[in-house]
Amino acid sequence: MESTWHLSHAHAHVSIFYDQAKEVVLVKWKGHINAEDVLLAAKAYLALQEKWKCPRLLNDKSEVTGDWEEANNWLEYEWLPDAVRLGMRKFAHVLSPNFQQVVSAKDMIARFAQHCEASMFWDPALAEEWLCRPLLSPPQPSSEDAEQAS
């Protein structure tokens, strides 16, 4: 895997990698992060996802501290619809041992699960194993959606 994008400053580092063979995008976080860092990385992911159209995203925050819950509304209402439109179908989030983030992560996963397969893990290897399982069938539009499209 080759680093495709990274952000590094005094308190945080994030890299986005694409493993084409596994069809997995890995976002690897380190350091003390905040909502602004999350927004920057999420926007970079969308720009890269425009060309990749990768169905699986592994968001590994196992080595971070900090609170990023302020970003959850933006992630749900602005980022997630674009990510799904660009092909993301499975989202695995690896938790940090920093329990401050568990609440933010649970909130985010509950929001995401309404739009794609989404789950939380403590172990990055288990998250990747789950991600690499076959995708569920894509959601079928409801009859109401079909009527509105006509």
Protein backbone atom coordinates (compact mmCIF):
# COMPACT_ATOMS: atom_id res chain seq x y z
CA MET A 1 0.00 0.00 0.00
CA GLU A 2 1.23 3.44 -0.85
CA SER A 3 0.27 6.54 1.12
CA THR A 4 -1.96 8.58 -1.10
CA TRP A 5 -2.75 11.48 1.23
CA HIS A 6 -1.52 12.56 4.62
CA LEU A 7 -1.89 15.38 7.11
CA SER A 8 0.73 15.92 9.74
CA HIS A 9 0.97 18.72 12.27
CA ALA A 10 2.05 19.26 15.84
CA HIS A 11 -0.64 17.13 17.44
CA ALA A 12 -1.96 14.69 14.83
CA HIS A 13 -1.10 12.62 11.80
CA VAL A 14 -3.50 10.94 9.38
CA SER A 15 -2.78 8.93 6.24
CA ILE A 16 -5.13 7.53 3.63
CA PHE A 17 -4.05 4.37 1.82
CA TYR A 18 -5.79 2.32 -0.88
CA ASP A 19 -5.27 -1.44 -1.06
CA GLN A 20 -6.62 -2.21 -4.51
CA ALA A 21 -6.18 -5.98 -4.16
CA LYS A 22 -8.43 -6.10 -1.06
CA GLU A 23 -10.66 -3.22 -2.18
CA VAL A 24 -10.10 -1.46 1.16
CA VAL A 25 -9.31 2.16 1.89
CA LEU A 26 -7.43 2.55 5.19
CA VAL A 27 -7.53 5.83 7.07
CA LYS A 28 -4.86 5.58 9.78
CA TRP A 29 -4.87 8.15 12.59
CA LYS A 30 -2.19 8.93 15.22
CA GLY A 31 -1.89 11.56 17.93
CA HIS A 32 -4.42 13.95 19.44
CA ILE A 33 -7.23 14.70 16.97
CA ASN A 34 -10.16 17.09 16.90
CA ALA A 35 -13.24 17.69 14.74
CA GLU A 36 -11.29 19.90 12.31
CA ASP A 37 -8.84 17.05 11.62
CA VAL A 38 -11.77 14.71 10.96
CA LEU A 39 -13.32 17.15 8.47
CA LEU A 40 -10.03 17.63 6.60
CA ALA A 41 -9.43 13.89 6.28
CA ALA A 42 -13.05 13.18 5.35
CA LYS A 43 -12.92 15.75 2.54
CA ALA A 44 -9.64 14.29 1.28
CA TYR A 45 -11.19 10.80 1.31
CA LEU A 46 -14.10 12.02 -0.85
CA ALA A 47 -11.71 13.52 -3.40
CA LEU A 48 -9.79 10.23 -3.60
CA GLN A 49 -12.97 8.13 -3.61
CA GLU A 50 -14.08 9.99 -6.76
CA LYS A 51 -11.52 7.92 -8.70
CA TRP A 52 -11.30 4.80 -6.51
CA LYS A 53 -15.00 3.99 -6.02
CA CYS A 54 -13.88 1.57 -3.29
CA PRO A 55 -16.70 -0.14 -1.36
CA ARG A 56 -14.79 -0.63 1.93
CA LEU A 57 -13.42 1.92 4.39
CA LEU A 58 -11.33 1.03 7.46
CA ASN A 59 -11.13 4.02 9.81
CA ASP A 60 -8.38 3.12 12.28
CA LYS A 61 -8.32 5.43 15.31
CA SER A 62 -6.63 2.89 17.59
CA GLU A 63 -3.69 5.25 18.26
CA VAL A 64 -5.45 8.54 18.99
CA THR A 65 -6.76 10.68 21.79
CA GLY A 66 -9.08 13.65 21.58
CA ASP A 67 -12.74 14.40 21.05
CA TRP A 68 -14.20 14.70 17.58
CA GLU A 69 -17.93 14.30 18.33
CA GLU A 70 -18.59 17.81 16.97
CA ALA A 71 -17.93 16.39 13.49
CA ASN A 72 -20.70 13.75 13.65
CA ASN A 73 -23.52 15.93 12.33
CA TRP A 74 -21.40 17.05 9.39
CA LEU A 75 -20.27 13.46 8.74
CA GLU A 76 -23.86 12.19 8.72
CA TYR A 77 -25.52 14.93 6.69
CA GLU A 78 -22.75 16.17 4.41
CA TRP A 79 -20.04 13.51 4.09
CA LEU A 80 -21.93 10.20 4.33
CA PRO A 81 -24.35 10.79 1.43
CA ASP A 82 -21.39 11.64 -0.83
CA ALA A 83 -19.33 8.68 0.41
CA VAL A 84 -22.22 6.28 -0.29
CA ARG A 85 -22.91 7.90 -3.68
CA LEU A 86 -19.23 7.37 -4.55
CA GLY A 87 -19.42 3.66 -3.73
CA MET A 88 -18.68 3.19 -0.01
CA ARG A 89 -20.81 0.28 1.22
CA LYS A 90 -18.96 -0.95 4.34
CA PHE A 91 -17.44 1.15 7.12
CA ALA A 92 -15.33 -0.31 9.94
CA HIS A 93 -14.24 1.93 12.80
CA VAL A 94 -11.38 0.85 15.08
CA LEU A 95 -11.69 2.32 18.54
CA SER A 96 -8.96 3.87 20.63
CA PRO A 97 -8.37 2.63 24.16
CA ASN A 98 -9.17 6.26 25.08
CA PHE A 99 -12.71 5.81 26.37
CA GLN A 100 -13.50 9.46 25.67
CA GLN A 101 -13.96 8.47 22.01
CA VAL A 102 -16.28 5.51 22.54
CA VAL A 103 -19.34 7.76 22.88
CA SER A 104 -18.44 9.67 19.70
CA ALA A 105 -17.82 6.44 17.81
CA LYS A 106 -21.05 4.77 18.95
CA ASP A 107 -23.01 7.85 17.91
CA MET A 108 -21.31 7.90 14.50
CA ILE A 109 -21.84 4.15 13.84
CA ALA A 110 -25.54 4.40 14.74
CA ARG A 111 -25.93 7.20 12.20
CA PHE A 112 -23.91 5.41 9.50
CA ALA A 113 -25.69 2.04 9.93
CA GLN A 114 -28.81 3.56 8.41
CA HIS A 115 -26.97 4.06 5.10
CA CYS A 116 -24.31 1.33 4.83
CA GLU A 117 -22.89 -1.66 6.70
CA ALA A 118 -21.09 -0.16 9.70
CA SER A 119 -19.42 -1.67 12.74
CA MET A 120 -16.94 -0.87 15.55
CA PHE A 121 -13.91 -2.90 16.59
CA TRP A 122 -11.10 -2.80 19.14
CA ASP A 123 -8.73 -4.77 16.90
CA PRO A 124 -7.69 -3.50 13.42
CA ALA A 125 -7.16 -7.07 12.16
CA LEU A 126 -10.72 -8.06 13.09
CA ALA A 127 -12.04 -4.91 11.45
CA GLU A 128 -10.22 -5.72 8.23
CA GLU A 129 -11.41 -9.35 8.35
CA TRP A 130 -15.02 -8.13 8.70
CA LEU A 131 -14.57 -5.60 5.90
CA CYS A 132 -13.24 -8.24 3.51
CA ARG A 133 -16.29 -10.46 3.93
CA PRO A 134 -18.68 -10.36 0.96
CA LEU A 135 -20.77 -7.24 0.69
CA LEU A 136 -24.48 -7.49 1.36
CA SER A 137 -26.77 -6.85 -1.56
CA PRO A 138 -27.05 -3.17 -2.37
CA PRO A 139 -30.11 -1.52 -0.87
CA GLN A 140 -33.11 -1.65 -3.18
CA PRO A 141 -35.08 1.55 -3.67
CA SER A 142 -38.45 1.49 -1.94
CA SER A 143 -41.62 1.61 -4.02
CA GLU A 144 -42.02 5.21 -2.83
CA ASP A 145 -38.57 6.07 -4.21
CA ALA A 146 -39.43 4.39 -7.51
CA GLU A 147 -42.68 6.38 -7.76
CA GLN A 148 -40.85 9.65 -7.11
CA ALA A 149 -38.28 8.82 -9.80
CA SER A 150 -41.01 8.31 -12.42
